Amino acid sequence: MGVDALEIIHKVIIIERKIMYCGIGWAHEWHFFWIIATVIIVLAVLAFVTTLRQGGKSAFPLGASLGASCPACGGAIKNSFLRCPHCAVTLKSHCPSCSKIVETAWRYCPFCRADVGKTQ
């Protein structure tokens, strides 16, 4: 009975070695590589598609935020812009009382409470 058990163990080891080197054993190492490679490719494609979609909406090359747009022409602007780079409409102005920057649509300055009206 001891000899049969040793023969079975020997055959199992031989079969295990054949499996290990014929592809099944090596496949476990390659699966990890292919998973990582697939994730990188999918992320790259998503970034590319997102860039293409955003490029169609924003024609401003200096990295304007896509959420802000000019109220007059709809062009892409940054929140810090005083004038629209597309149509030159005034977006912000200086308060005549305290000289701080205020939105053009504001009626009162939030800093000094002065009446700024609708200045252009």
C-alpha atoms as a PDB file:
ATOM      1  CA  MET A   1       0.000   0.000   0.000  1.00  0.00           C
ATOM      2  CA  GLY A   2       2.893   2.352   0.669  1.00  0.00           C
ATOM      3  CA  VAL A   3       4.311   1.775  -2.808  1.00  0.00           C
ATOM      4  CA  ASP A   4       0.984   2.582  -4.475  1.00  0.00           C
ATOM      5  CA  ALA A   5       0.712   5.820  -2.517  1.00  0.00           C
ATOM      6  CA  LEU A   6       4.233   6.847  -3.569  1.00  0.00           C
ATOM      7  CA  GLU A   7       3.427   6.068  -7.212  1.00  0.00           C
ATOM      8  CA  ILE A   8       0.245   8.160  -7.022  1.00  0.00           C
ATOM      9  CA  ILE A   9       2.109  11.059  -5.433  1.00  0.00           C
ATOM     10  CA  HIS A  10       4.822  10.773  -8.090  1.00  0.00           C
ATOM     11  CA  LYS A  11       2.210  10.798 -10.899  1.00  0.00           C
ATOM     12  CA  VAL A  12       0.436  13.781  -9.335  1.00  0.00           C
ATOM     13  CA  ILE A  13       3.726  15.683  -9.174  1.00  0.00           C
ATOM     14  CA  ILE A  14       4.449  14.888 -12.837  1.00  0.00           C
ATOM     15  CA  ILE A  15       0.973  16.002 -13.879  1.00  0.00           C
ATOM     16  CA  GLU A  16       1.296  19.129 -11.754  1.00  0.00           C
ATOM     17  CA  ARG A  17       4.597  20.018 -13.442  1.00  0.00           C
ATOM     18  CA  LYS A  18       3.101  19.474 -16.891  1.00  0.00           C
ATOM     19  CA  ILE A  19       0.165  21.719 -16.043  1.00  0.00           C
ATOM     20  CA  MET A  20       2.432  24.349 -14.527  1.00  0.00           C
ATOM     21  CA  TYR A  21       4.601  24.727 -17.620  1.00  0.00           C
ATOM     22  CA  CYS A  22       2.070  24.045 -20.371  1.00  0.00           C
ATOM     23  CA  GLY A  23       0.079  27.196 -19.814  1.00  0.00           C
ATOM     24  CA  ILE A  24      -2.348  26.826 -16.958  1.00  0.00           C
ATOM     25  CA  GLY A  25       0.204  27.583 -14.259  1.00  0.00           C
ATOM     26  CA  TRP A  26       1.781  30.463 -16.170  1.00  0.00           C
ATOM     27  CA  ALA A  27      -1.619  31.869 -16.986  1.00  0.00           C
ATOM     28  CA  HIS A  28      -2.157  33.049 -13.434  1.00  0.00           C
ATOM     29  CA  GLU A  29       0.799  35.406 -13.708  1.00  0.00           C
ATOM     30  CA  TRP A  30      -0.313  36.684 -17.129  1.00  0.00           C
ATOM     31  CA  HIS A  31      -3.906  37.220 -16.011  1.00  0.00           C
ATOM     32  CA  PHE A  32      -2.740  39.916 -13.602  1.00  0.00           C
ATOM     33  CA  PHE A  33      -0.768  41.603 -16.386  1.00  0.00           C
ATOM     34  CA  TRP A  34      -3.730  41.555 -18.779  1.00  0.00           C
ATOM     35  CA  ILE A  35      -6.104  42.893 -16.136  1.00  0.00           C
ATOM     36  CA  ILE A  36      -3.793  45.829 -15.417  1.00  0.00           C
ATOM     37  CA  ALA A  37      -3.214  46.453 -19.136  1.00  0.00           C
ATOM     38  CA  THR A  38      -6.961  46.367 -19.835  1.00  0.00           C
ATOM     39  CA  VAL A  39      -7.697  48.820 -17.019  1.00  0.00           C
ATOM     40  CA  ILE A  40      -5.044  51.221 -18.321  1.00  0.00           C
ATOM     41  CA  ILE A  41      -6.387  51.026 -21.872  1.00  0.00           C
ATOM     42  CA  VAL A  42      -9.995  51.564 -20.752  1.00  0.00           C
ATOM     43  CA  LEU A  43      -9.006  54.597 -18.661  1.00  0.00           C
ATOM     44  CA  ALA A  44      -7.023  56.037 -21.563  1.00  0.00           C
ATOM     45  CA  VAL A  45      -9.962  55.617 -23.940  1.00  0.00           C
ATOM     46  CA  LEU A  46     -12.341  57.224 -21.433  1.00  0.00           C
ATOM     47  CA  ALA A  47      -9.978  60.161 -20.972  1.00  0.00           C
ATOM     48  CA  PHE A  48      -9.680  60.564 -24.745  1.00  0.00           C
ATOM     49  CA  VAL A  49     -13.454  60.467 -25.284  1.00  0.00           C
ATOM     50  CA  THR A  50     -14.008  62.937 -22.446  1.00  0.00           C
ATOM     51  CA  THR A  51     -11.417  65.272 -23.941  1.00  0.00           C
ATOM     52  CA  LEU A  52     -13.106  65.087 -27.333  1.00  0.00           C
ATOM     53  CA  ARG A  53     -16.512  65.825 -25.842  1.00  0.00           C
ATOM     54  CA  GLN A  54     -15.226  68.738 -23.788  1.00  0.00           C
ATOM     55  CA  GLY A  55     -13.280  70.077 -26.755  1.00  0.00           C
ATOM     56  CA  GLY A  56     -16.506  70.450 -28.682  1.00  0.00           C
ATOM     57  CA  LYS A  57     -18.072  72.531 -25.919  1.00  0.00           C
ATOM     58  CA  SER A  58     -15.133  74.736 -25.068  1.00  0.00           C
ATOM     59  CA  ALA A  59     -13.242  76.684 -27.693  1.00  0.00           C
ATOM     60  CA  PHE A  60     -11.155  78.615 -25.138  1.00  0.00           C
ATOM     61  CA  PRO A  61      -7.568  77.236 -25.149  1.00  0.00           C
ATOM     62  CA  LEU A  62      -6.394  78.556 -21.764  1.00  0.00           C
ATOM     63  CA  GLY A  63      -8.186  75.917 -19.693  1.00  0.00           C
ATOM     64  CA  ALA A  64     -11.444  77.679 -18.925  1.00  0.00           C
ATOM     65  CA  SER A  65     -13.757  75.919 -16.542  1.00  0.00           C
ATOM     66  CA  LEU A  66     -16.478  74.186 -18.505  1.00  0.00           C
ATOM     67  CA  GLY A  67     -19.204  75.063 -16.001  1.00  0.00           C
ATOM     68  CA  ALA A  68     -18.945  78.850 -16.509  1.00  0.00           C
ATOM     69  CA  SER A  69     -20.218  80.489 -19.643  1.00  0.00           C
ATOM     70  CA  CYS A  70     -20.721  84.048 -20.770  1.00  0.00           C
ATOM     71  CA  PRO A  71     -24.307  85.257 -20.225  1.00  0.00           C
ATOM     72  CA  ALA A  72     -24.219  87.160 -23.525  1.00  0.00           C
ATOM     73  CA  CYS A  73     -22.620  84.767 -26.024  1.00  0.00           C
ATOM     74  CA  GLY A  74     -22.368  81.457 -24.130  1.00  0.00           C
ATOM     75  CA  GLY A  75     -18.598  81.190 -24.613  1.00  0.00           C
ATOM     76  CA  ALA A  76     -16.430  79.436 -22.043  1.00  0.00           C
ATOM     77  CA  ILE A  77     -15.070  81.736 -19.344  1.00  0.00           C
ATOM     78  CA  LYS A  78     -13.270  81.523 -16.029  1.00  0.00           C
ATOM     79  CA  ASN A  79     -14.816  82.945 -12.876  1.00  0.00           C
ATOM     80  CA  SER A  80     -11.920  85.402 -12.551  1.00  0.00           C
ATOM     81  CA  PHE A  81     -12.497  87.042 -15.965  1.00  0.00           C
ATOM     82  CA  LEU A  82     -13.602  90.679 -15.962  1.00  0.00           C
ATOM     83  CA  ARG A  83     -14.580  90.602 -19.647  1.00  0.00           C
ATOM     84  CA  CYS A  84     -15.637  87.801 -21.962  1.00  0.00           C
ATOM     85  CA  PRO A  85     -12.749  86.924 -24.311  1.00  0.00           C
ATOM     86  CA  HIS A  86     -15.251  86.031 -27.061  1.00  0.00           C
ATOM     87  CA  CYS A  87     -17.661  88.984 -27.179  1.00  0.00           C
ATOM     88  CA  ALA A  88     -15.986  91.526 -24.818  1.00  0.00           C
ATOM     89  CA  VAL A  89     -19.080  91.974 -22.643  1.00  0.00           C
ATOM     90  CA  THR A  90     -18.264  93.248 -19.132  1.00  0.00           C
ATOM     91  CA  LEU A  91     -18.682  90.434 -16.593  1.00  0.00           C
ATOM     92  CA  LYS A  92     -17.405  92.249 -13.498  1.00  0.00           C
ATOM     93  CA  SER A  93     -16.591  95.793 -12.551  1.00  0.00           C
ATOM     94  CA  HIS A  94     -15.164  97.755  -9.639  1.00  0.00           C
ATOM     95  CA  CYS A  95     -17.387  99.174  -6.921  1.00  0.00           C
ATOM     96  CA  PRO A  96     -17.308 102.992  -7.157  1.00  0.00           C
ATOM     97  CA  SER A  97     -17.179 103.235  -3.365  1.00  0.00           C
ATOM     98  CA  CYS A  98     -14.651 100.603  -2.189  1.00  0.00           C
ATOM     99  CA  SER A  99     -13.075  99.569  -5.559  1.00  0.00           C
ATOM    100  CA  LYS A 100     -13.579  95.853  -4.900  1.00  0.00           C
ATOM    101  CA  ILE A 101     -14.611  93.670  -7.822  1.00  0.00           C
ATOM    102  CA  VAL A 102     -18.361  93.062  -8.073  1.00  0.00           C
ATOM    103  CA  GLU A 103     -20.522  91.201 -10.572  1.00  0.00           C
ATOM    104  CA  THR A 104     -22.081  93.413 -13.220  1.00  0.00           C
ATOM    105  CA  ALA A 105     -25.566  92.079 -12.433  1.00  0.00           C
ATOM    106  CA  TRP A 106     -25.345  93.032  -8.733  1.00  0.00           C
ATOM    107  CA  ARG A 107     -27.239  96.074  -7.576  1.00  0.00           C
ATOM    108  CA  TYR A 108     -25.382  96.498  -4.251  1.00  0.00           C
ATOM    109  CA  CYS A 109     -21.777  95.908  -3.246  1.00  0.00           C
ATOM    110  CA  PRO A 110     -21.596  93.091  -0.667  1.00  0.00           C
ATOM    111  CA  PHE A 111     -18.445  94.606   0.858  1.00  0.00           C
ATOM    112  CA  CYS A 112     -19.461  98.229   1.529  1.00  0.00           C
ATOM    113  CA  ARG A 113     -23.231  98.114   0.799  1.00  0.00           C
ATOM    114  CA  ALA A 114     -22.930 100.868  -1.804  1.00  0.00           C
ATOM    115  CA  ASP A 115     -25.440 101.058  -4.649  1.00  0.00           C
ATOM    116  CA  VAL A 116     -23.506  99.910  -7.726  1.00  0.00           C
ATOM    117  CA  GLY A 117     -26.506  99.686 -10.049  1.00  0.00           C
ATOM    118  CA  LYS A 118     -25.971  98.109 -13.432  1.00  0.00           C
ATOM    119  CA  THR A 119     -22.671  99.494 -14.600  1.00  0.00           C
ATOM    120  CA  GLN A 120     -21.037  98.378 -17.805  1.00  0.00           C
END
